[in-house]
Protein backbone atom coordinates (compact mmCIF):
# COMPACT_ATOMS: atom_id res chain seq x y z
CA UNK A 1 -24.66 -2.73 -22.19
CA UNK A 2 -23.38 -3.56 -25.64
CA UNK A 3 -20.13 -2.07 -26.83
CA UNK A 4 -16.63 -2.98 -27.90
CA UNK A 5 -14.40 -2.62 -24.85
CA UNK A 6 -10.82 -1.42 -24.84
CA UNK A 7 -8.57 -0.96 -21.83
CA UNK A 8 -10.20 1.87 -19.86
CA UNK A 9 -8.32 5.13 -19.73
CA UNK A 10 -11.16 6.99 -18.04
CA UNK A 11 -13.06 6.78 -14.79
CA UNK A 12 -16.80 6.19 -14.83
CA UNK A 13 -17.10 9.96 -14.82
CA UNK A 14 -15.23 10.30 -18.07
CA UNK A 15 -12.14 11.95 -16.57
CA UNK A 16 -8.71 10.65 -17.45
CA UNK A 17 -7.04 8.64 -14.72
CA UNK A 18 -3.72 8.74 -16.62
CA UNK A 19 -2.48 10.10 -19.94
CA UNK A 20 -3.79 8.22 -22.94
CA UNK A 21 -1.56 5.37 -23.94
CA UNK A 22 0.30 5.39 -20.63
CA UNK A 23 -1.48 2.48 -19.02
CA UNK A 24 0.93 -0.19 -20.12
CA UNK A 25 3.94 1.67 -18.83
CA UNK A 26 2.42 2.49 -15.46
CA UNK A 27 0.70 -0.75 -14.60
CA UNK A 28 2.55 -3.37 -16.56
CA UNK A 29 6.07 -2.05 -16.88
CA UNK A 30 8.38 -1.70 -19.86
CA UNK A 31 12.00 -2.48 -20.50
CA UNK A 32 12.93 1.14 -20.70
CA UNK A 33 11.20 2.35 -17.56
CA UNK A 34 10.83 -0.58 -15.23
CA UNK A 35 13.43 -2.28 -13.11
CA UNK A 36 14.48 -5.49 -14.86
CA UNK A 37 13.73 -7.75 -11.92
CA UNK A 38 10.21 -6.33 -11.62
CA UNK A 39 9.05 -8.94 -14.13
CA UNK A 40 11.41 -11.65 -12.99
CA UNK A 41 13.70 -11.19 -15.99
CA UNK A 42 16.69 -11.07 -13.65
CA UNK A 43 16.66 -14.87 -13.73
CA UNK A 44 17.01 -14.72 -17.51
CA UNK A 45 19.96 -12.38 -17.05
CA UNK A 46 21.69 -14.93 -14.85
CA UNK A 47 21.10 -17.67 -17.43
CA UNK A 48 22.48 -15.70 -20.37
CA UNK A 49 25.50 -14.65 -18.28
CA UNK A 50 26.30 -18.33 -17.77
CA UNK A 51 25.98 -18.90 -21.52
CA UNK A 52 28.37 -16.01 -22.20
CA UNK A 53 30.87 -17.40 -19.70
CA UNK A 54 30.78 -20.88 -21.23
CA UNK A 55 31.27 -19.51 -24.74
CA UNK A 56 34.19 -17.37 -23.54
CA UNK A 57 35.84 -20.49 -22.13
CA UNK A 58 35.41 -22.18 -25.51
CA UNK A 59 36.88 -19.13 -27.25
CA UNK A 60 39.92 -19.18 -24.98
CA UNK A 61 40.45 -22.87 -25.75
CA UNK A 62 40.32 -22.18 -29.52
CA UNK A 63 42.78 -19.30 -29.11
CA UNK A 64 45.23 -21.48 -27.21
CA UNK A 65 45.05 -24.20 -29.88
CA UNK A 66 45.99 -21.66 -32.58
CA UNK A 67 48.33 -19.48 -30.50
CA UNK A 68 51.30 -20.56 -32.62
CA UNK A 69 49.77 -19.06 -35.77
CA UNK A 70 49.69 -15.47 -34.46
CA UNK A 71 52.62 -13.25 -35.47
CA UNK A 72 52.20 -11.39 -32.15
CA UNK A 73 50.32 -12.57 -29.08
CA UNK A 74 50.25 -9.20 -27.33
CA UNK A 75 47.08 -7.81 -29.01
CA UNK A 76 45.05 -11.02 -28.68
CA UNK A 77 46.10 -11.55 -25.07
CA UNK A 78 45.18 -7.92 -24.36
CA UNK A 79 41.78 -8.50 -26.00
CA UNK A 80 41.05 -11.51 -23.80
CA UNK A 81 42.21 -9.78 -20.64
CA UNK A 82 40.07 -6.73 -21.41
CA UNK A 83 37.07 -8.96 -22.14
CA UNK A 84 37.47 -10.86 -18.87
CA UNK A 85 37.84 -7.64 -16.87
CA UNK A 86 34.76 -6.19 -18.60
CA UNK A 87 32.69 -9.34 -18.05
CA UNK A 88 33.60 -9.81 -14.39
CA UNK A 89 33.52 -6.11 -13.57
CA UNK A 90 30.10 -5.61 -15.10
CA UNK A 91 28.69 -8.74 -13.43
CA UNK A 92 29.94 -7.67 -9.99
CA UNK A 93 28.75 -4.08 -10.45
CA UNK A 94 25.27 -5.16 -11.55
CA UNK A 95 24.96 -7.52 -8.58
CA UNK A 96 26.07 -4.78 -6.17
CA UNK A 97 23.77 -2.08 -7.59
CA UNK A 98 20.64 -4.23 -7.74
CA UNK A 99 20.55 -5.26 -11.38
CA UNK A 100 20.75 -1.77 -12.80
CA UNK A 101 22.92 -0.47 -15.64
CA UNK A 102 23.15 3.35 -15.70
CA UNK A 103 24.00 5.18 -18.90
CA UNK A 104 27.59 5.92 -17.94
CA UNK A 105 28.31 2.29 -17.13
CA UNK A 106 26.62 1.22 -20.34
CA UNK A 107 28.90 3.57 -22.27
CA UNK A 108 31.99 2.16 -20.54
CA UNK A 109 30.79 -1.35 -21.33
CA UNK A 110 30.37 -0.62 -25.04
CA UNK A 111 33.75 1.13 -25.21
CA UNK A 112 35.41 -1.88 -23.61
CA UNK A 113 33.79 -4.27 -26.06
CA UNK A 114 34.89 -2.02 -28.93
CA UNK A 115 38.44 -2.24 -27.61
CA UNK A 116 38.21 -6.04 -27.44
CA UNK A 117 37.03 -6.24 -31.05
CA UNK A 118 39.73 -3.84 -32.27
CA UNK A 119 42.56 -5.69 -30.51
CA UNK A 120 41.31 -9.03 -31.84
CA UNK A 121 41.16 -7.71 -35.42
CA UNK A 122 44.66 -6.23 -35.08
CA UNK A 123 45.99 -9.60 -33.98
CA UNK A 124 44.38 -11.61 -36.80
CA UNK A 125 44.73 -9.09 -39.65
CA UNK A 126 48.12 -10.48 -40.79
CA UNK A 127 46.62 -13.99 -40.94
CA UNK A 128 44.11 -12.99 -43.64
CA UNK A 129 41.19 -15.04 -42.31
CA UNK A 130 38.85 -13.34 -39.84
CA UNK A 131 36.32 -16.18 -39.88
CA UNK A 132 38.89 -18.78 -38.84
CA UNK A 133 40.84 -16.88 -36.19
CA UNK A 134 38.28 -14.52 -34.58
CA UNK A 135 37.80 -15.56 -30.94
CA UNK A 136 37.63 -12.67 -28.47
CA UNK A 137 35.56 -10.56 -30.86
CA UNK A 138 33.03 -13.37 -31.25
CA UNK A 139 32.84 -13.75 -27.48
CA UNK A 140 32.13 -10.02 -27.26
CA UNK A 141 28.87 -10.71 -29.10
CA UNK A 142 27.93 -13.26 -26.42
CA UNK A 143 28.86 -10.86 -23.63
CA UNK A 144 26.19 -8.52 -25.03
CA UNK A 145 23.69 -11.01 -23.63
CA UNK A 146 24.37 -9.66 -20.13
CA UNK A 147 22.57 -6.40 -20.88
CA UNK A 148 19.47 -7.74 -22.67
CA UNK A 149 17.44 -7.54 -19.45
CA UNK A 150 18.92 -4.22 -18.35
CA UNK A 151 18.69 -1.93 -21.37
CA UNK A 152 16.08 -1.12 -23.98
CA UNK A 153 15.77 -3.63 -26.81
CA UNK A 154 16.78 -1.14 -29.50
CA UNK A 155 20.03 -0.36 -27.68
CA UNK A 156 21.04 -4.04 -27.70
CA UNK A 157 20.06 -4.40 -31.36
CA UNK A 158 22.08 -1.32 -32.31
CA UNK A 159 25.12 -2.67 -30.47
CA UNK A 160 24.75 -6.07 -32.17
CA UNK A 161 24.31 -4.37 -35.56
CA UNK A 162 27.44 -2.27 -35.03
CA UNK A 163 29.37 -5.43 -34.19
CA UNK A 164 28.13 -7.05 -37.39
CA UNK A 165 29.20 -4.03 -39.44
CA UNK A 166 32.66 -4.14 -37.84
CA UNK A 167 33.03 -7.82 -38.75
CA UNK A 168 31.93 -7.26 -42.34
CA UNK A 169 34.33 -4.34 -42.73
CA UNK A 170 37.22 -6.40 -41.29
CA UNK A 171 36.43 -9.37 -43.51
CA UNK A 172 36.20 -7.28 -46.66
CA UNK A 173 39.48 -5.47 -45.99
CA UNK A 174 41.65 -8.36 -44.73
CA UNK A 175 40.24 -11.68 -45.94
CA UNK A 176 40.33 -12.96 -49.54
CA UNK A 177 36.78 -14.07 -50.29
CA UNK A 178 36.72 -17.41 -52.10
CA UNK A 179 34.27 -20.34 -52.12
CA UNK A 180 36.50 -21.92 -49.49
CA UNK A 181 36.68 -18.97 -47.05
CA UNK A 182 33.17 -17.47 -47.44
CA UNK A 183 31.31 -20.13 -45.35
CA UNK A 184 33.61 -19.57 -42.35
CA UNK A 185 33.12 -15.80 -42.59
CA UNK A 186 29.33 -16.11 -42.66
CA UNK A 187 29.27 -18.47 -39.69
CA UNK A 188 31.52 -16.17 -37.67
CA UNK A 189 29.39 -13.09 -38.37
CA UNK A 190 26.26 -15.04 -37.40
CA UNK A 191 27.89 -16.20 -34.15
CA UNK A 192 28.86 -12.64 -33.27
CA UNK A 193 25.53 -10.97 -34.10
CA UNK A 194 23.11 -13.81 -33.33
CA UNK A 195 23.33 -13.81 -29.50
CA UNK A 196 22.21 -10.20 -29.13
CA UNK A 197 19.25 -10.63 -31.48
CA UNK A 198 18.28 -13.96 -29.94
CA UNK A 199 18.51 -12.51 -26.43
CA UNK A 200 16.22 -9.61 -27.33
CA UNK A 201 13.65 -11.98 -28.83
CA UNK A 202 13.85 -14.26 -25.80
CA UNK A 203 13.33 -11.48 -23.27
CA UNK A 204 10.55 -9.92 -25.35
CA UNK A 205 8.68 -13.23 -25.49
CA UNK A 206 9.18 -13.83 -21.78
CA UNK A 207 7.91 -10.38 -20.81
CA UNK A 208 4.93 -10.69 -23.16
CA UNK A 209 3.97 -14.04 -21.63
CA UNK A 210 4.43 -12.78 -18.07
CA UNK A 211 2.43 -9.60 -18.66
CA UNK A 212 -0.42 -11.67 -20.07
CA UNK A 213 -0.37 -13.92 -17.01
CA UNK A 214 -0.33 -10.90 -14.69
CA UNK A 215 -3.24 -9.44 -16.62
CA UNK A 216 -5.18 -12.68 -16.19
CA UNK A 217 -4.45 -12.78 -12.46
CA UNK A 218 -5.83 -9.26 -12.07
CA UNK A 219 -8.92 -10.09 -14.09
CA UNK A 220 -9.43 -13.32 -12.14
CA UNK A 221 -10.25 -11.27 -9.05
CA UNK A 222 -13.60 -10.36 -10.63
CA UNK A 223 -14.80 -13.98 -10.43
CA UNK A 224 -15.71 -13.68 -6.74
CA UNK A 225 -17.19 -10.17 -7.02
CA UNK A 226 -20.85 -9.50 -6.15
CA UNK A 227 -23.43 -9.55 -8.93
CA UNK A 228 -23.20 -5.77 -9.34
CA UNK A 229 -20.00 -4.05 -8.26
CA UNK A 230 -17.44 -1.46 -9.21
CA UNK A 231 -14.16 -2.45 -10.82
CA UNK A 232 -10.57 -1.80 -9.84
CA UNK A 233 -10.36 1.59 -11.53
CA UNK A 234 -13.67 2.69 -10.06
CA UNK A 235 -12.48 1.57 -6.63
CA UNK A 236 -9.50 3.91 -6.97
CA UNK A 237 -11.87 6.70 -7.96
CA UNK A 238 -14.13 6.00 -4.97
CA UNK A 239 -11.12 6.14 -2.64
CA UNK A 240 -10.27 9.57 -4.04
CA UNK A 241 -13.86 10.75 -3.60
CA UNK A 242 -13.87 9.46 -0.02
CA UNK A 243 -10.72 11.47 0.74
CA UNK A 244 -12.21 14.60 -0.83
CA UNK A 245 -15.39 14.18 1.22
CA UNK A 246 -13.41 13.73 4.44
CA UNK A 247 -11.40 16.87 3.73
CA UNK A 248 -14.59 18.85 3.09
CA UNK A 249 -16.23 17.63 6.30
CA UNK A 250 -13.04 18.39 8.23
CA UNK A 251 -13.09 21.93 6.85
CA UNK A 252 -16.69 22.37 8.04
CA UNK A 253 -15.92 20.88 11.49
CA UNK A 254 -12.84 23.07 11.99
CA UNK A 255 -14.65 26.25 10.95
CA UNK A 256 -12.53 26.76 7.86
CA UNK A 257 -15.72 26.46 5.83
CA UNK A 258 -18.44 28.45 7.66
CA UNK A 259 -22.13 27.68 7.30
CA UNK A 260 -23.78 28.39 4.97
CA UNK A 261 -20.99 27.17 2.74
CA UNK A 262 -19.17 29.72 0.57
CA UNK A 263 -19.66 29.31 -3.21
CA UNK A 264 -16.33 27.53 -3.68
CA UNK A 265 -17.08 24.92 -1.00
CA UNK A 266 -20.69 24.56 -2.16
CA UNK A 267 -19.54 23.85 -5.73
CA UNK A 268 -17.07 21.29 -4.40
CA UNK A 269 -19.76 19.53 -2.36
CA UNK A 270 -22.13 19.51 -5.34
CA UNK A 271 -19.45 17.95 -7.55
CA UNK A 272 -18.77 15.23 -4.98
CA UNK A 273 -22.48 14.43 -4.68
CA UNK A 274 -22.85 14.20 -8.46
CA UNK A 275 -19.86 11.91 -8.79
CA UNK A 276 -21.10 9.63 -6.02
CA UNK A 277 -24.55 9.39 -7.64
CA UNK A 278 -22.94 8.50 -10.98
CA UNK A 279 -20.91 5.77 -9.30
CA UNK A 280 -24.11 4.42 -7.74
CA UNK A 281 -25.75 4.31 -11.17
CA UNK A 282 -22.76 2.63 -12.75
CA UNK A 283 -22.64 0.06 -9.97
CA UNK A 284 -26.22 -1.00 -10.74
CA UNK A 285 -25.48 -2.05 -14.32
CA UNK A 286 -21.90 -3.35 -14.36
CA UNK A 287 -21.32 -7.04 -13.65
CA UNK A 288 -18.13 -8.97 -13.00
CA UNK A 289 -17.96 -9.86 -16.72
CA UNK A 290 -18.07 -6.19 -17.70
CA UNK A 291 -15.09 -5.44 -15.47
CA UNK A 292 -13.22 -8.61 -16.46
CA UNK A 293 -13.32 -7.55 -20.11
CA UNK A 294 -12.98 -3.78 -19.82
CA UNK A 295 -10.08 -3.88 -17.36
CA UNK A 296 -8.05 -6.48 -19.26
CA UNK A 297 -5.46 -5.38 -21.82
CA UNK A 298 -5.84 -8.72 -23.59
CA UNK A 299 -9.61 -9.31 -23.54
CA UNK A 300 -10.52 -5.65 -23.94
CA UNK A 301 -9.12 -5.54 -27.49
CA UNK A 302 -10.99 -8.62 -28.72
CA UNK A 303 -14.14 -9.26 -26.69
CA UNK A 304 -17.54 -7.55 -26.90
CA UNK A 305 -20.11 -8.13 -24.16
CA UNK A 306 -23.88 -7.69 -24.43
CA UNK A 307 -25.69 -8.20 -21.12
CA UNK A 308 -28.42 -5.58 -20.70
CA UNK A 309 -30.16 -7.59 -17.96
CA UNK A 310 -26.94 -8.15 -15.95
CA UNK A 311 -27.48 -11.91 -16.11
CA UNK A 312 -23.76 -12.64 -15.85
CA UNK A 313 -23.94 -11.74 -12.18
CA UNK A 314 -26.14 -14.80 -11.51
CA UNK A 315 -23.41 -17.29 -12.46
CA UNK A 316 -21.66 -19.01 -9.57
CA UNK A 317 -17.90 -18.88 -9.05
CA UNK A 318 -17.20 -22.12 -10.97
CA UNK A 319 -19.26 -21.00 -13.96
CA UNK A 320 -17.64 -17.56 -13.96
CA UNK A 321 -14.14 -18.98 -13.78
CA UNK A 322 -14.87 -21.47 -16.57
CA UNK A 323 -16.46 -18.86 -18.84
CA UNK A 324 -13.54 -16.51 -18.31
CA UNK A 325 -11.07 -19.33 -19.06
CA UNK A 326 -12.93 -20.14 -22.27
CA UNK A 327 -12.78 -16.50 -23.40
CA UNK A 328 -9.03 -16.41 -22.73
CA UNK A 329 -8.43 -19.58 -24.72
CA UNK A 330 -10.61 -18.38 -27.60
CA UNK A 331 -8.79 -15.06 -27.79
CA UNK A 332 -5.32 -16.61 -27.53
CA UNK A 333 -3.42 -18.34 -30.33
CA UNK A 334 0.01 -19.96 -29.93
CA UNK A 335 0.93 -18.82 -33.43
CA UNK A 336 -0.27 -15.27 -32.90
CA UNK A 337 -3.80 -13.93 -32.72
CA UNK A 338 -5.26 -13.02 -36.10
CA UNK A 339 -5.88 -9.27 -36.50
CA UNK A 340 -9.47 -10.12 -37.51
CA UNK A 341 -10.11 -12.22 -34.39
CA UNK A 342 -13.15 -10.88 -32.55
CA UNK A 343 -15.34 -12.45 -29.89
CA UNK A 344 -18.89 -11.42 -29.13
CA UNK A 345 -20.68 -12.82 -26.07
CA UNK A 346 -24.39 -12.21 -25.50
CA UNK A 347 -26.32 -13.17 -22.38
CA UNK A 348 -30.11 -13.40 -22.65
CA UNK A 349 -32.79 -12.54 -23.29
CA UNK A 350 -34.62 -15.10 -21.15
CA UNK A 351 -37.16 -17.30 -22.92
CA UNK A 352 -40.44 -17.27 -20.93
CA UNK A 353 -41.30 -20.79 -22.12
CA UNK A 354 -38.04 -22.40 -21.00
CA UNK A 355 -36.48 -19.97 -18.60
CA UNK A 356 -36.76 -22.26 -15.57
CA UNK A 357 -35.94 -25.90 -14.93
CA UNK A 358 -37.05 -26.97 -11.50
CA UNK A 359 -35.76 -24.41 -8.99
CA UNK A 360 -33.15 -23.02 -11.38
CA UNK A 361 -33.09 -20.29 -14.00
CA UNK A 362 -31.86 -21.09 -17.50
CA UNK A 363 -29.71 -18.33 -19.01
CA UNK A 364 -28.97 -18.50 -22.75
CA UNK A 365 -25.41 -17.49 -23.64
CA UNK A 366 -24.23 -17.05 -27.23
CA UNK A 367 -20.53 -16.75 -28.10
CA UNK A 368 -19.61 -15.80 -31.65
CA UNK A 369 -15.98 -15.91 -32.78
CA UNK A 370 -14.76 -14.53 -36.10
CA UNK A 371 -11.33 -15.32 -37.51
CA UNK A 372 -11.14 -18.77 -35.92
CA UNK A 373 -11.85 -22.14 -37.50
CA UNK A 374 -13.65 -24.89 -35.60
CA UNK A 375 -10.70 -27.27 -35.82
CA UNK A 376 -8.36 -24.64 -34.35
CA UNK A 377 -10.29 -24.33 -31.08
CA UNK A 378 -8.28 -25.51 -28.09
CA UNK A 379 -9.73 -28.61 -26.42
CA UNK A 380 -9.61 -26.75 -23.10
CA UNK A 381 -12.36 -24.44 -24.41
CA UNK A 382 -14.86 -27.30 -24.58
CA UNK A 383 -13.84 -28.57 -21.14
CA UNK A 384 -14.34 -25.09 -19.68
CA UNK A 385 -17.69 -24.54 -21.41
CA UNK A 386 -18.90 -27.92 -20.18
CA UNK A 387 -18.61 -26.56 -16.63
CA UNK A 388 -20.64 -23.49 -17.59
CA UNK A 389 -23.60 -25.42 -19.00
CA UNK A 390 -24.82 -27.47 -21.94
CA UNK A 391 -23.48 -26.19 -25.22
CA UNK A 392 -23.72 -26.69 -28.96
CA UNK A 393 -21.60 -25.21 -31.74
CA UNK A 394 -22.03 -24.46 -35.42
CA UNK A 395 -20.60 -22.22 -38.12
CA UNK A 396 -22.65 -19.25 -39.31
CA UNK A 397 -21.38 -17.01 -42.14
CA UNK A 398 -17.82 -18.17 -41.56
CA UNK A 399 -17.97 -17.41 -37.82
CA UNK A 400 -17.92 -19.99 -35.04
CA UNK A 401 -21.04 -19.77 -32.86
CA UNK A 402 -21.38 -21.49 -29.50
CA UNK A 403 -24.76 -21.58 -27.73
CA UNK A 404 -24.93 -22.41 -24.03
CA UNK A 405 -27.76 -23.06 -21.62
CA UNK A 406 -26.46 -22.07 -18.21
CA UNK A 407 -28.50 -23.20 -15.19
CA UNK A 408 -28.22 -20.86 -12.17
CA UNK A 409 -30.02 -20.44 -8.89
CA UNK A 410 -33.20 -18.42 -9.31
CA UNK A 411 -32.69 -15.08 -7.50
CA UNK A 412 -36.44 -14.91 -6.81
CA UNK A 413 -36.29 -18.14 -4.80
CA UNK A 414 -33.18 -16.97 -2.98
CA UNK A 415 -34.97 -13.76 -1.88
CA UNK A 416 -37.96 -15.61 -0.41
CA UNK A 417 -37.92 -16.15 3.38
CA UNK A 418 -37.40 -19.78 4.34
């Protein structure tokens, strides 16, 4: 059993369980297809709404301090009133509809923000300094934060980009650009566009972290599995086969399928028997480590397992959990995993001269990591490996190699009658 695993898109029979490339959207969720609160991002939405409200209060204070400079207060007051109505109306509507933002409401929201920006620019155009007097239009950029957890990332980025273009056009047409005025213009454009971009990056990072943790929780269930067992996807396939078998037997019992079976029913029964036999064969060579790697989006892209003797199944729960934790830490990098990062783990073969120590069996485990320097290894890796067994490390051809001697209970002794 030596191959490079990727997230399985097939059953053990080779049939597709879902369209290729659709696994992430169906099991993990995505911003464009999954309810925002499904990944807990609704809490982020509440936080950014508070930030938008605080900034709006600051903008109102700045407007009131400079109210005497405006030739006409009607447009700017209208801009602030429209912004407040938009902010409060959208917040109440989202809360009432369960944190959802349909397309029509999104369009109304963008149109309202466009009206706020236009009224603000009309009010400050005679003053000849957009960077100094822009208030409601800047707050409109912060109000965009409300939708970062409710709409696709590209939609928020497009809205923020359009706001930036509007500011640049207003500055170029109404504000004399001099060394004195340019800094204020740049800061104002950054304040208007920055919140939307920052919000998208924040939500993207949060969802990426949460999906990885969810993936690890799912994989963690393999730690307590029997030595040889089917995985989650195979369990789904077995449930389907069980239903098909029950339907076939029900057809025979009710007389719908007379005996001897017609060709169509006979072919169906033969297919079910073949699939069940294949599952039985698969279940005799797949260990918990096989399923932990193959069914993980994160580990499946980076880890290769070689365990032809199914020795991984002999590890106890503590050793399994520690080995899995070490693989996660080796494959993760706070600064981003290198594209060349690859991990190969080999269990066995057993050495006849030193395969037993007392009543225990000694399993050699070799972990080879490319694209990772020795001094970049997280200290938690060594702590986890210490619970697996005695280890030593060295560098071979630029790759980090870790050799472990893992002591496990001898299955031969366990099978003997007491």
